[in-house]
Amino acid sequence: MSSNHEAPARRWPGRRALSRTGAAAAAVVLGGAILTGCGGGDDSGSAAGQVPETVRSQLAAVAGLGQGASTVLTATGAGVDIYQAPNAPRPTSTLSNPNENGAPRVFLVQARMPGWWQVLLPVEPNGSTGWVKAEQVTASQTPYRIVVARGAHKLRLFNNDQMIAEEPVAIGTTDTPTPGGRFFLMELLRPSNPNGAYGPYAFGLSGFSTSMESFGGRDPVIGIHGTNEPGSIGRDVSHGCIRLSNDSITRLAQTVPLGTPVEIVA
């Protein structure tokens, strides 16, 4: 376990809104328990659905799977239909827009083919994917990528593969660990009390606890947020959420757009 005496962090980029879905000004203001869970686990789940070989052969890799720019989709209507495969006769589910907390519905792209996008889904199990029709979304790109190194208790922000910031974090305990895997920033919430447990901002991730079935009677969503316990930074103390200092989460909220990939590693 690392101490609270951390090396000086790299300077963050200037405070500017890079996307209408990522600007801090667009954060959804909520009171009370804004994140429904701070649970954790160790591995991401398997992808949902199998793509037929005839479809797989048409897939085009999308930039941003682990490096460089990533493609982000934003819903344009009241909902987005999710298909198991592009040739599926009907959708398996529909995700509302905005989501249940009032945030724009976004997805992180995994692959594409004409008229379709394969996306990472904000559903259980972690790592689930599905297909959406291009006509129901608009596409944009983000150069940003977040990597959380649990062992080092560090959050690192990359811009086009160049690390531009590094900050100490708190993570989950042994009983409620922070899950490993690839996720994305699903929503940005602004607590009504900036001096509360979540600090001034809280990102909800597309991942869930695998050690808790629920939190406060709702799905145990993982988050990145501020804290009113700065002494906890650098330790294993949370229910799985990633805690930053309030200054750091504010800078992050004012820099990265929704849909930004988040890789949680050992």
C-alpha atoms as a PDB file:
ATOM      1  CA  MET A   1       0.000   0.000   0.000  1.00  0.00           C
ATOM      2  CA  SER A   2       1.488   3.320  -0.998  1.00  0.00           C
ATOM      3  CA  SER A   3       1.807   6.228   1.378  1.00  0.00           C
ATOM      4  CA  ASN A   4      -0.012   9.517   1.047  1.00  0.00           C
ATOM      5  CA  HIS A   5       3.242  11.326   0.302  1.00  0.00           C
ATOM      6  CA  GLU A   6       3.119  11.254  -3.480  1.00  0.00           C
ATOM      7  CA  ALA A   7       5.529  12.652  -6.029  1.00  0.00           C
ATOM      8  CA  PRO A   8       4.349  15.882  -7.647  1.00  0.00           C
ATOM      9  CA  ALA A   9       1.728  15.208 -10.297  1.00  0.00           C
ATOM     10  CA  ARG A  10       2.134  16.257 -13.897  1.00  0.00           C
ATOM     11  CA  ARG A  11       0.373  19.444 -14.885  1.00  0.00           C
ATOM     12  CA  TRP A  12      -3.087  18.985 -16.344  1.00  0.00           C
ATOM     13  CA  PRO A  13      -4.145  20.636 -19.597  1.00  0.00           C
ATOM     14  CA  GLY A  14      -5.986  23.937 -19.512  1.00  0.00           C
ATOM     15  CA  ARG A  15      -9.564  24.116 -18.323  1.00  0.00           C
ATOM     16  CA  ARG A  16     -11.558  24.100 -21.532  1.00  0.00           C
ATOM     17  CA  ALA A  17     -14.605  22.246 -22.771  1.00  0.00           C
ATOM     18  CA  LEU A  18     -13.576  19.782 -25.490  1.00  0.00           C
ATOM     19  CA  SER A  19     -17.020  18.365 -26.205  1.00  0.00           C
ATOM     20  CA  ARG A  20     -20.569  19.335 -25.432  1.00  0.00           C
ATOM     21  CA  THR A  21     -20.978  15.931 -23.759  1.00  0.00           C
ATOM     22  CA  GLY A  22     -17.717  16.189 -21.856  1.00  0.00           C
ATOM     23  CA  ALA A  23     -17.719  19.741 -20.526  1.00  0.00           C
ATOM     24  CA  ALA A  24     -18.107  20.121 -16.788  1.00  0.00           C
ATOM     25  CA  ALA A  25     -20.818  22.688 -17.444  1.00  0.00           C
ATOM     26  CA  ALA A  26     -22.917  19.899 -18.942  1.00  0.00           C
ATOM     27  CA  ALA A  27     -22.742  17.744 -15.833  1.00  0.00           C
ATOM     28  CA  VAL A  28     -26.051  16.513 -14.462  1.00  0.00           C
ATOM     29  CA  VAL A  29     -26.689  18.080 -11.047  1.00  0.00           C
ATOM     30  CA  LEU A  30     -27.859  15.518  -8.524  1.00  0.00           C
ATOM     31  CA  GLY A  31     -28.155  15.291  -4.770  1.00  0.00           C
ATOM     32  CA  GLY A  32     -27.837  12.382  -2.359  1.00  0.00           C
ATOM     33  CA  ALA A  33     -26.235   9.109  -3.392  1.00  0.00           C
ATOM     34  CA  ILE A  34     -25.490   9.879  -7.016  1.00  0.00           C
ATOM     35  CA  LEU A  35     -23.538   6.726  -7.791  1.00  0.00           C
ATOM     36  CA  THR A  36     -25.494   3.576  -7.158  1.00  0.00           C
ATOM     37  CA  GLY A  37     -22.451   1.565  -6.261  1.00  0.00           C
ATOM     38  CA  CYS A  38     -18.732   1.621  -5.717  1.00  0.00           C
ATOM     39  CA  GLY A  39     -18.154  -2.099  -6.017  1.00  0.00           C
ATOM     40  CA  GLY A  40     -15.497  -4.068  -7.832  1.00  0.00           C
ATOM     41  CA  GLY A  41     -14.133  -7.241  -9.293  1.00  0.00           C
ATOM     42  CA  ASP A  42     -11.085  -8.509 -11.100  1.00  0.00           C
ATOM     43  CA  ASP A  43     -11.994  -9.400 -14.663  1.00  0.00           C
ATOM     44  CA  SER A  44     -14.229  -8.049 -17.375  1.00  0.00           C
ATOM     45  CA  GLY A  45     -17.045 -10.230 -18.646  1.00  0.00           C
ATOM     46  CA  SER A  46     -17.245 -11.933 -21.999  1.00  0.00           C
ATOM     47  CA  ALA A  47     -18.754 -10.192 -25.002  1.00  0.00           C
ATOM     48  CA  ALA A  48     -22.474 -10.675 -25.496  1.00  0.00           C
ATOM     49  CA  GLY A  49     -23.453 -12.375 -28.724  1.00  0.00           C
ATOM     50  CA  GLN A  50     -21.527 -14.045 -31.519  1.00  0.00           C
ATOM     51  CA  VAL A  51     -20.960 -12.450 -34.906  1.00  0.00           C
ATOM     52  CA  PRO A  52     -21.388 -14.800 -37.885  1.00  0.00           C
ATOM     53  CA  GLU A  53     -18.233 -15.367 -39.954  1.00  0.00           C
ATOM     54  CA  THR A  54     -19.870 -13.796 -43.012  1.00  0.00           C
ATOM     55  CA  VAL A  55     -20.325 -10.604 -40.987  1.00  0.00           C
ATOM     56  CA  ARG A  56     -16.989 -10.827 -39.197  1.00  0.00           C
ATOM     57  CA  SER A  57     -15.172 -10.777 -42.533  1.00  0.00           C
ATOM     58  CA  GLN A  58     -16.651  -7.344 -43.275  1.00  0.00           C
ATOM     59  CA  LEU A  59     -15.604  -5.731 -40.018  1.00  0.00           C
ATOM     60  CA  ALA A  60     -13.315  -2.726 -40.145  1.00  0.00           C
ATOM     61  CA  ALA A  61     -11.103  -1.999 -37.165  1.00  0.00           C
ATOM     62  CA  VAL A  62     -11.767   1.368 -35.558  1.00  0.00           C
ATOM     63  CA  ALA A  63      -8.979   3.637 -34.387  1.00  0.00           C
ATOM     64  CA  GLY A  64      -8.584   3.940 -30.659  1.00  0.00           C
ATOM     65  CA  LEU A  65      -8.667   0.349 -29.395  1.00  0.00           C
ATOM     66  CA  GLY A  66      -5.956   0.871 -26.814  1.00  0.00           C
ATOM     67  CA  GLN A  67      -4.127   3.742 -28.469  1.00  0.00           C
ATOM     68  CA  GLY A  68      -4.673   6.932 -30.425  1.00  0.00           C
ATOM     69  CA  ALA A  69      -8.103   8.420 -30.955  1.00  0.00           C
ATOM     70  CA  SER A  70     -11.283   6.594 -29.992  1.00  0.00           C
ATOM     71  CA  THR A  71     -14.673   6.785 -31.692  1.00  0.00           C
ATOM     72  CA  VAL A  72     -17.621   7.777 -29.487  1.00  0.00           C
ATOM     73  CA  LEU A  73     -21.289   7.548 -30.439  1.00  0.00           C
ATOM     74  CA  THR A  74     -24.053   9.797 -29.095  1.00  0.00           C
ATOM     75  CA  ALA A  75     -27.714   8.833 -29.405  1.00  0.00           C
ATOM     76  CA  THR A  76     -29.849  11.174 -31.498  1.00  0.00           C
ATOM     77  CA  GLY A  77     -33.319   9.962 -30.514  1.00  0.00           C
ATOM     78  CA  ALA A  78     -35.190   8.844 -27.420  1.00  0.00           C
ATOM     79  CA  GLY A  79     -33.511   5.443 -27.416  1.00  0.00           C
ATOM     80  CA  VAL A  80     -30.970   3.193 -29.113  1.00  0.00           C
ATOM     81  CA  ASP A  81     -31.791  -0.374 -30.147  1.00  0.00           C
ATOM     82  CA  ILE A  82     -29.148  -2.977 -29.282  1.00  0.00           C
ATOM     83  CA  TYR A  83     -28.671  -5.966 -31.573  1.00  0.00           C
ATOM     84  CA  GLN A  84     -26.734  -9.170 -30.930  1.00  0.00           C
ATOM     85  CA  ALA A  85     -25.373  -9.029 -34.492  1.00  0.00           C
ATOM     86  CA  PRO A  86     -25.967  -6.900 -37.617  1.00  0.00           C
ATOM     87  CA  ASN A  87     -28.020  -9.688 -39.197  1.00  0.00           C
ATOM     88  CA  ALA A  88     -30.222 -10.199 -36.110  1.00  0.00           C
ATOM     89  CA  PRO A  89     -33.939  -9.929 -36.996  1.00  0.00           C
ATOM     90  CA  ARG A  90     -34.800  -7.803 -33.959  1.00  0.00           C
ATOM     91  CA  PRO A  91     -33.050  -5.939 -31.119  1.00  0.00           C
ATOM     92  CA  THR A  92     -32.386  -7.650 -27.802  1.00  0.00           C
ATOM     93  CA  SER A  93     -32.899  -4.431 -25.822  1.00  0.00           C
ATOM     94  CA  THR A  94     -33.279  -0.674 -26.081  1.00  0.00           C
ATOM     95  CA  LEU A  95     -31.302   1.841 -24.018  1.00  0.00           C
ATOM     96  CA  SER A  96     -32.996   5.153 -23.251  1.00  0.00           C
ATOM     97  CA  ASN A  97     -31.639   8.581 -24.141  1.00  0.00           C
ATOM     98  CA  PRO A  98     -30.930  10.377 -21.914  1.00  0.00           C
ATOM     99  CA  ASN A  99     -30.029   7.705 -19.385  1.00  0.00           C
ATOM    100  CA  GLU A 100     -31.708   7.246 -16.000  1.00  0.00           C
ATOM    101  CA  ASN A 101     -29.628  10.079 -14.486  1.00  0.00           C
ATOM    102  CA  GLY A 102     -30.383  12.508 -17.308  1.00  0.00           C
ATOM    103  CA  ALA A 103     -27.009  12.211 -19.060  1.00  0.00           C
ATOM    104  CA  PRO A 104     -26.676  11.866 -22.851  1.00  0.00           C
ATOM    105  CA  ARG A 105     -26.513   8.230 -23.976  1.00  0.00           C
ATOM    106  CA  VAL A 106     -23.028   7.533 -25.313  1.00  0.00           C
ATOM    107  CA  PHE A 107     -21.111   4.435 -26.396  1.00  0.00           C
ATOM    108  CA  LEU A 108     -17.485   3.537 -27.042  1.00  0.00           C
ATOM    109  CA  VAL A 109     -16.962   1.948 -30.464  1.00  0.00           C
ATOM    110  CA  GLN A 110     -15.241  -1.416 -30.839  1.00  0.00           C
ATOM    111  CA  ALA A 111     -15.682  -2.035 -34.595  1.00  0.00           C
ATOM    112  CA  ARG A 112     -17.830  -1.020 -37.549  1.00  0.00           C
ATOM    113  CA  MET A 113     -19.323  -2.187 -40.795  1.00  0.00           C
ATOM    114  CA  PRO A 114     -21.549  -0.359 -43.305  1.00  0.00           C
ATOM    115  CA  GLY A 115     -24.602   0.981 -41.476  1.00  0.00           C
ATOM    116  CA  TRP A 116     -23.577  -0.511 -38.120  1.00  0.00           C
ATOM    117  CA  TRP A 117     -21.334   0.080 -35.117  1.00  0.00           C
ATOM    118  CA  GLN A 118     -20.197  -2.487 -32.577  1.00  0.00           C
ATOM    119  CA  VAL A 119     -20.072  -0.829 -29.149  1.00  0.00           C
ATOM    120  CA  LEU A 120     -19.093  -1.513 -25.572  1.00  0.00           C
ATOM    121  CA  LEU A 121     -22.286  -1.587 -23.536  1.00  0.00           C
ATOM    122  CA  PRO A 122     -22.961  -0.113 -20.062  1.00  0.00           C
ATOM    123  CA  VAL A 123     -24.596  -3.364 -18.911  1.00  0.00           C
ATOM    124  CA  GLU A 124     -23.653  -6.440 -16.930  1.00  0.00           C
ATOM    125  CA  PRO A 125     -21.547  -8.476 -17.294  1.00  0.00           C
ATOM    126  CA  ASN A 126     -18.641  -6.082 -17.720  1.00  0.00           C
ATOM    127  CA  GLY A 127     -17.201  -6.181 -21.213  1.00  0.00           C
ATOM    128  CA  SER A 128     -20.516  -6.896 -22.955  1.00  0.00           C
ATOM    129  CA  THR A 129     -20.817  -5.625 -26.514  1.00  0.00           C
ATOM    130  CA  GLY A 130     -23.627  -5.142 -28.992  1.00  0.00           C
ATOM    131  CA  TRP A 131     -24.446  -3.595 -32.354  1.00  0.00           C
ATOM    132  CA  VAL A 132     -26.283  -0.333 -33.027  1.00  0.00           C
ATOM    133  CA  LYS A 133     -27.577   1.143 -36.283  1.00  0.00           C
ATOM    134  CA  ALA A 134     -25.633   4.115 -37.583  1.00  0.00           C
ATOM    135  CA  GLU A 135     -28.902   5.964 -38.221  1.00  0.00           C
ATOM    136  CA  GLN A 136     -29.627   6.155 -34.465  1.00  0.00           C
ATOM    137  CA  VAL A 137     -26.347   7.817 -33.443  1.00  0.00           C
ATOM    138  CA  THR A 138     -23.771  10.420 -34.393  1.00  0.00           C
ATOM    139  CA  ALA A 139     -20.032   9.692 -34.279  1.00  0.00           C
ATOM    140  CA  SER A 140     -17.178  11.807 -32.942  1.00  0.00           C
ATOM    141  CA  GLN A 141     -13.630  11.179 -31.807  1.00  0.00           C
ATOM    142  CA  THR A 142     -11.710  11.795 -28.600  1.00  0.00           C
ATOM    143  CA  PRO A 143      -7.906  11.751 -28.331  1.00  0.00           C
ATOM    144  CA  TYR A 144      -8.073  11.048 -24.604  1.00  0.00           C
ATOM    145  CA  ARG A 145      -7.574   7.778 -22.752  1.00  0.00           C
ATOM    146  CA  ILE A 146      -7.518   7.121 -19.000  1.00  0.00           C
ATOM    147  CA  VAL A 147      -5.468   4.327 -17.434  1.00  0.00           C
ATOM    148  CA  VAL A 148      -5.915   3.443 -13.754  1.00  0.00           C
ATOM    149  CA  ALA A 149      -3.034   1.384 -12.358  1.00  0.00           C
ATOM    150  CA  ARG A 150      -4.401  -0.225  -9.202  1.00  0.00           C
ATOM    151  CA  GLY A 151      -1.090  -1.435  -7.789  1.00  0.00           C
ATOM    152  CA  ALA A 152       0.525   1.968  -8.163  1.00  0.00           C
ATOM    153  CA  HIS A 153      -2.621   3.817  -7.062  1.00  0.00           C
ATOM    154  CA  LYS A 154      -2.295   6.117 -10.065  1.00  0.00           C
ATOM    155  CA  LEU A 155      -4.659   7.582 -12.661  1.00  0.00           C
ATOM    156  CA  ARG A 156      -2.870   8.508 -15.876  1.00  0.00           C
ATOM    157  CA  LEU A 157      -4.402  10.642 -18.617  1.00  0.00           C
ATOM    158  CA  PHE A 158      -3.175  10.262 -22.194  1.00  0.00           C
ATOM    159  CA  ASN A 159      -3.710  12.524 -25.188  1.00  0.00           C
ATOM    160  CA  ASN A 160      -2.868  10.737 -28.450  1.00  0.00           C
ATOM    161  CA  ASP A 161      -0.689   8.293 -26.492  1.00  0.00           C
ATOM    162  CA  GLN A 162       1.248  11.020 -24.689  1.00  0.00           C
ATOM    163  CA  MET A 163       0.765  11.006 -20.921  1.00  0.00           C
ATOM    164  CA  ILE A 164      -0.284  14.518 -19.946  1.00  0.00           C
ATOM    165  CA  ALA A 165      -1.279  13.978 -16.308  1.00  0.00           C
ATOM    166  CA  GLU A 166      -0.747  11.542 -13.450  1.00  0.00           C
ATOM    167  CA  GLU A 167      -2.593  11.667 -10.137  1.00  0.00           C
ATOM    168  CA  PRO A 168      -2.743   9.449  -7.019  1.00  0.00           C
ATOM    169  CA  VAL A 169      -6.024   7.631  -6.392  1.00  0.00           C
ATOM    170  CA  ALA A 170      -7.772   5.471  -3.834  1.00  0.00           C
ATOM    171  CA  ILE A 171      -9.259   2.172  -5.002  1.00  0.00           C
ATOM    172  CA  GLY A 172     -11.405  -0.660  -3.653  1.00  0.00           C
ATOM    173  CA  THR A 173     -10.639  -2.914  -0.734  1.00  0.00           C
ATOM    174  CA  THR A 174      -9.824  -6.614  -0.901  1.00  0.00           C
ATOM    175  CA  ASP A 175     -13.475  -7.459  -0.234  1.00  0.00           C
ATOM    176  CA  THR A 176     -14.848  -4.898  -2.720  1.00  0.00           C
ATOM    177  CA  PRO A 177     -12.041  -4.472  -5.272  1.00  0.00           C
ATOM    178  CA  THR A 178     -12.004  -2.125  -8.217  1.00  0.00           C
ATOM    179  CA  PRO A 179     -12.697  -4.211 -11.342  1.00  0.00           C
ATOM    180  CA  GLY A 180     -10.127  -4.623 -14.073  1.00  0.00           C
ATOM    181  CA  GLY A 181     -11.039  -4.248 -17.718  1.00  0.00           C
ATOM    182  CA  ARG A 182     -11.926  -1.726 -20.389  1.00  0.00           C
ATOM    183  CA  PHE A 183     -14.743   0.714 -19.748  1.00  0.00           C
ATOM    184  CA  PHE A 184     -15.782   4.227 -20.772  1.00  0.00           C
ATOM    185  CA  LEU A 185     -17.034   7.407 -19.121  1.00  0.00           C
ATOM    186  CA  MET A 186     -20.803   6.958 -19.233  1.00  0.00           C
ATOM    187  CA  GLU A 187     -22.010  10.076 -17.413  1.00  0.00           C
ATOM    188  CA  LEU A 188     -20.780  13.140 -15.565  1.00  0.00           C
ATOM    189  CA  LEU A 189     -22.660  14.036 -12.405  1.00  0.00           C
ATOM    190  CA  ARG A 190     -22.364  17.157 -10.263  1.00  0.00           C
ATOM    191  CA  PRO A 191     -23.359  16.570  -6.618  1.00  0.00           C
ATOM    192  CA  SER A 192     -25.453  19.296  -5.037  1.00  0.00           C
ATOM    193  CA  ASN A 193     -22.943  19.281  -2.152  1.00  0.00           C
ATOM    194  CA  PRO A 194     -19.408  19.644  -3.574  1.00  0.00           C
ATOM    195  CA  ASN A 195     -17.973  19.032  -0.117  1.00  0.00           C
ATOM    196  CA  GLY A 196     -19.672  15.656   0.251  1.00  0.00           C
ATOM    197  CA  ALA A 197     -18.414  12.106  -0.175  1.00  0.00           C
ATOM    198  CA  TYR A 198     -18.278  12.359  -3.996  1.00  0.00           C
ATOM    199  CA  GLY A 199     -16.607  15.760  -4.170  1.00  0.00           C
ATOM    200  CA  PRO A 200     -17.571  18.343  -6.814  1.00  0.00           C
ATOM    201  CA  TYR A 201     -17.814  15.865  -9.739  1.00  0.00           C
ATOM    202  CA  ALA A 202     -18.397  12.167 -10.284  1.00  0.00           C
ATOM    203  CA  PHE A 203     -18.036  10.177 -13.488  1.00  0.00           C
ATOM    204  CA  GLY A 204     -20.140   7.046 -13.769  1.00  0.00           C
ATOM    205  CA  LEU A 205     -18.349   4.304 -15.708  1.00  0.00           C
ATOM    206  CA  SER A 206     -19.846   1.649 -17.957  1.00  0.00           C
ATOM    207  CA  GLY A 207     -18.732  -1.054 -15.498  1.00  0.00           C
ATOM    208  CA  PHE A 208     -20.271  -2.664 -12.431  1.00  0.00           C
ATOM    209  CA  SER A 209     -19.186  -4.397  -9.265  1.00  0.00           C
ATOM    210  CA  THR A 210     -18.688  -8.136  -9.490  1.00  0.00           C
ATOM    211  CA  SER A 211     -18.514  -8.517  -5.714  1.00  0.00           C
ATOM    212  CA  MET A 212     -21.776  -6.722  -4.911  1.00  0.00           C
ATOM    213  CA  GLU A 213     -25.203  -7.439  -6.372  1.00  0.00           C
ATOM    214  CA  SER A 214     -26.576  -4.003  -5.562  1.00  0.00           C
ATOM    215  CA  PHE A 215     -25.768  -0.777  -3.739  1.00  0.00           C
ATOM    216  CA  GLY A 216     -28.524   1.236  -2.134  1.00  0.00           C
ATOM    217  CA  GLY A 217     -31.065  -0.931  -3.924  1.00  0.00           C
ATOM    218  CA  ARG A 218     -29.701  -0.111  -7.384  1.00  0.00           C
ATOM    219  CA  ASP A 219     -27.127  -1.525  -9.781  1.00  0.00           C
ATOM    220  CA  PRO A 220     -23.577  -1.194  -8.357  1.00  0.00           C
ATOM    221  CA  VAL A 221     -22.080   1.209 -10.918  1.00  0.00           C
ATOM    222  CA  ILE A 222     -18.353   1.971 -10.651  1.00  0.00           C
ATOM    223  CA  GLY A 223     -17.305   5.618 -10.635  1.00  0.00           C
ATOM    224  CA  ILE A 224     -14.401   8.053 -10.622  1.00  0.00           C
ATOM    225  CA  HIS A 225     -15.100  10.886  -8.215  1.00  0.00           C
ATOM    226  CA  GLY A 226     -13.747  13.344  -5.699  1.00  0.00           C
ATOM    227  CA  THR A 227     -13.755  12.859  -1.949  1.00  0.00           C
ATOM    228  CA  ASN A 228     -14.200  14.613   1.388  1.00  0.00           C
ATOM    229  CA  GLU A 229     -11.525  12.301   2.830  1.00  0.00           C
ATOM    230  CA  PRO A 230      -8.283  13.393   1.131  1.00  0.00           C
ATOM    231  CA  GLY A 231      -6.299  11.224   3.538  1.00  0.00           C
ATOM    232  CA  SER A 232      -7.760   8.140   1.854  1.00  0.00           C
ATOM    233  CA  ILE A 233      -5.976   8.860  -1.430  1.00  0.00           C
ATOM    234  CA  GLY A 234      -3.302   6.267  -2.174  1.00  0.00           C
ATOM    235  CA  ARG A 235      -5.030   3.520  -0.207  1.00  0.00           C
ATOM    236  CA  ASP A 236      -7.418   0.576  -0.708  1.00  0.00           C
ATOM    237  CA  VAL A 237     -10.480   1.966   1.040  1.00  0.00           C
ATOM    238  CA  SER A 238     -13.473   2.264  -1.299  1.00  0.00           C
ATOM    239  CA  HIS A 239     -16.280  -0.066  -2.344  1.00  0.00           C
ATOM    240  CA  GLY A 240     -14.629  -0.212  -5.762  1.00  0.00           C
ATOM    241  CA  CYS A 241     -14.865   3.373  -6.967  1.00  0.00           C
ATOM    242  CA  ILE A 242     -11.756   5.368  -7.863  1.00  0.00           C
ATOM    243  CA  ARG A 243     -11.223   8.439  -5.696  1.00  0.00           C
ATOM    244  CA  LEU A 244      -9.301  11.511  -6.812  1.00  0.00           C
ATOM    245  CA  SER A 245      -8.592  14.727  -4.970  1.00  0.00           C
ATOM    246  CA  ASN A 246     -11.282  17.340  -5.544  1.00  0.00           C
ATOM    247  CA  ASP A 247      -8.881  19.515  -7.543  1.00  0.00           C
ATOM    248  CA  SER A 248      -7.968  16.560  -9.762  1.00  0.00           C
ATOM    249  CA  ILE A 249     -11.536  15.432 -10.466  1.00  0.00           C
ATOM    250  CA  THR A 250     -12.448  19.026 -11.333  1.00  0.00           C
ATOM    251  CA  ARG A 251      -9.626  19.245 -13.872  1.00  0.00           C
ATOM    252  CA  LEU A 252     -10.568  15.859 -15.304  1.00  0.00           C
ATOM    253  CA  ALA A 253     -14.236  16.867 -15.617  1.00  0.00           C
ATOM    254  CA  GLN A 254     -13.232  20.027 -17.473  1.00  0.00           C
ATOM    255  CA  THR A 255     -10.976  18.146 -19.892  1.00  0.00           C
ATOM    256  CA  VAL A 256     -12.322  14.796 -21.092  1.00  0.00           C
ATOM    257  CA  PRO A 257     -15.601  14.104 -22.928  1.00  0.00           C
ATOM    258  CA  LEU A 258     -18.074  11.357 -22.196  1.00  0.00           C
ATOM    259  CA  GLY A 259     -17.216   8.136 -24.000  1.00  0.00           C
ATOM    260  CA  THR A 260     -13.512   8.444 -23.165  1.00  0.00           C
ATOM    261  CA  PRO A 261     -12.005   4.956 -22.706  1.00  0.00           C
ATOM    262  CA  VAL A 262     -10.941   3.920 -19.206  1.00  0.00           C
ATOM    263  CA  GLU A 263      -8.550   1.008 -18.805  1.00  0.00           C
ATOM    264  CA  ILE A 264      -8.243  -0.398 -15.278  1.00  0.00           C
ATOM    265  CA  VAL A 265      -5.097  -2.515 -14.975  1.00  0.00           C
ATOM    266  CA  ALA A 266      -3.224  -4.347 -12.228  1.00  0.00           C
END
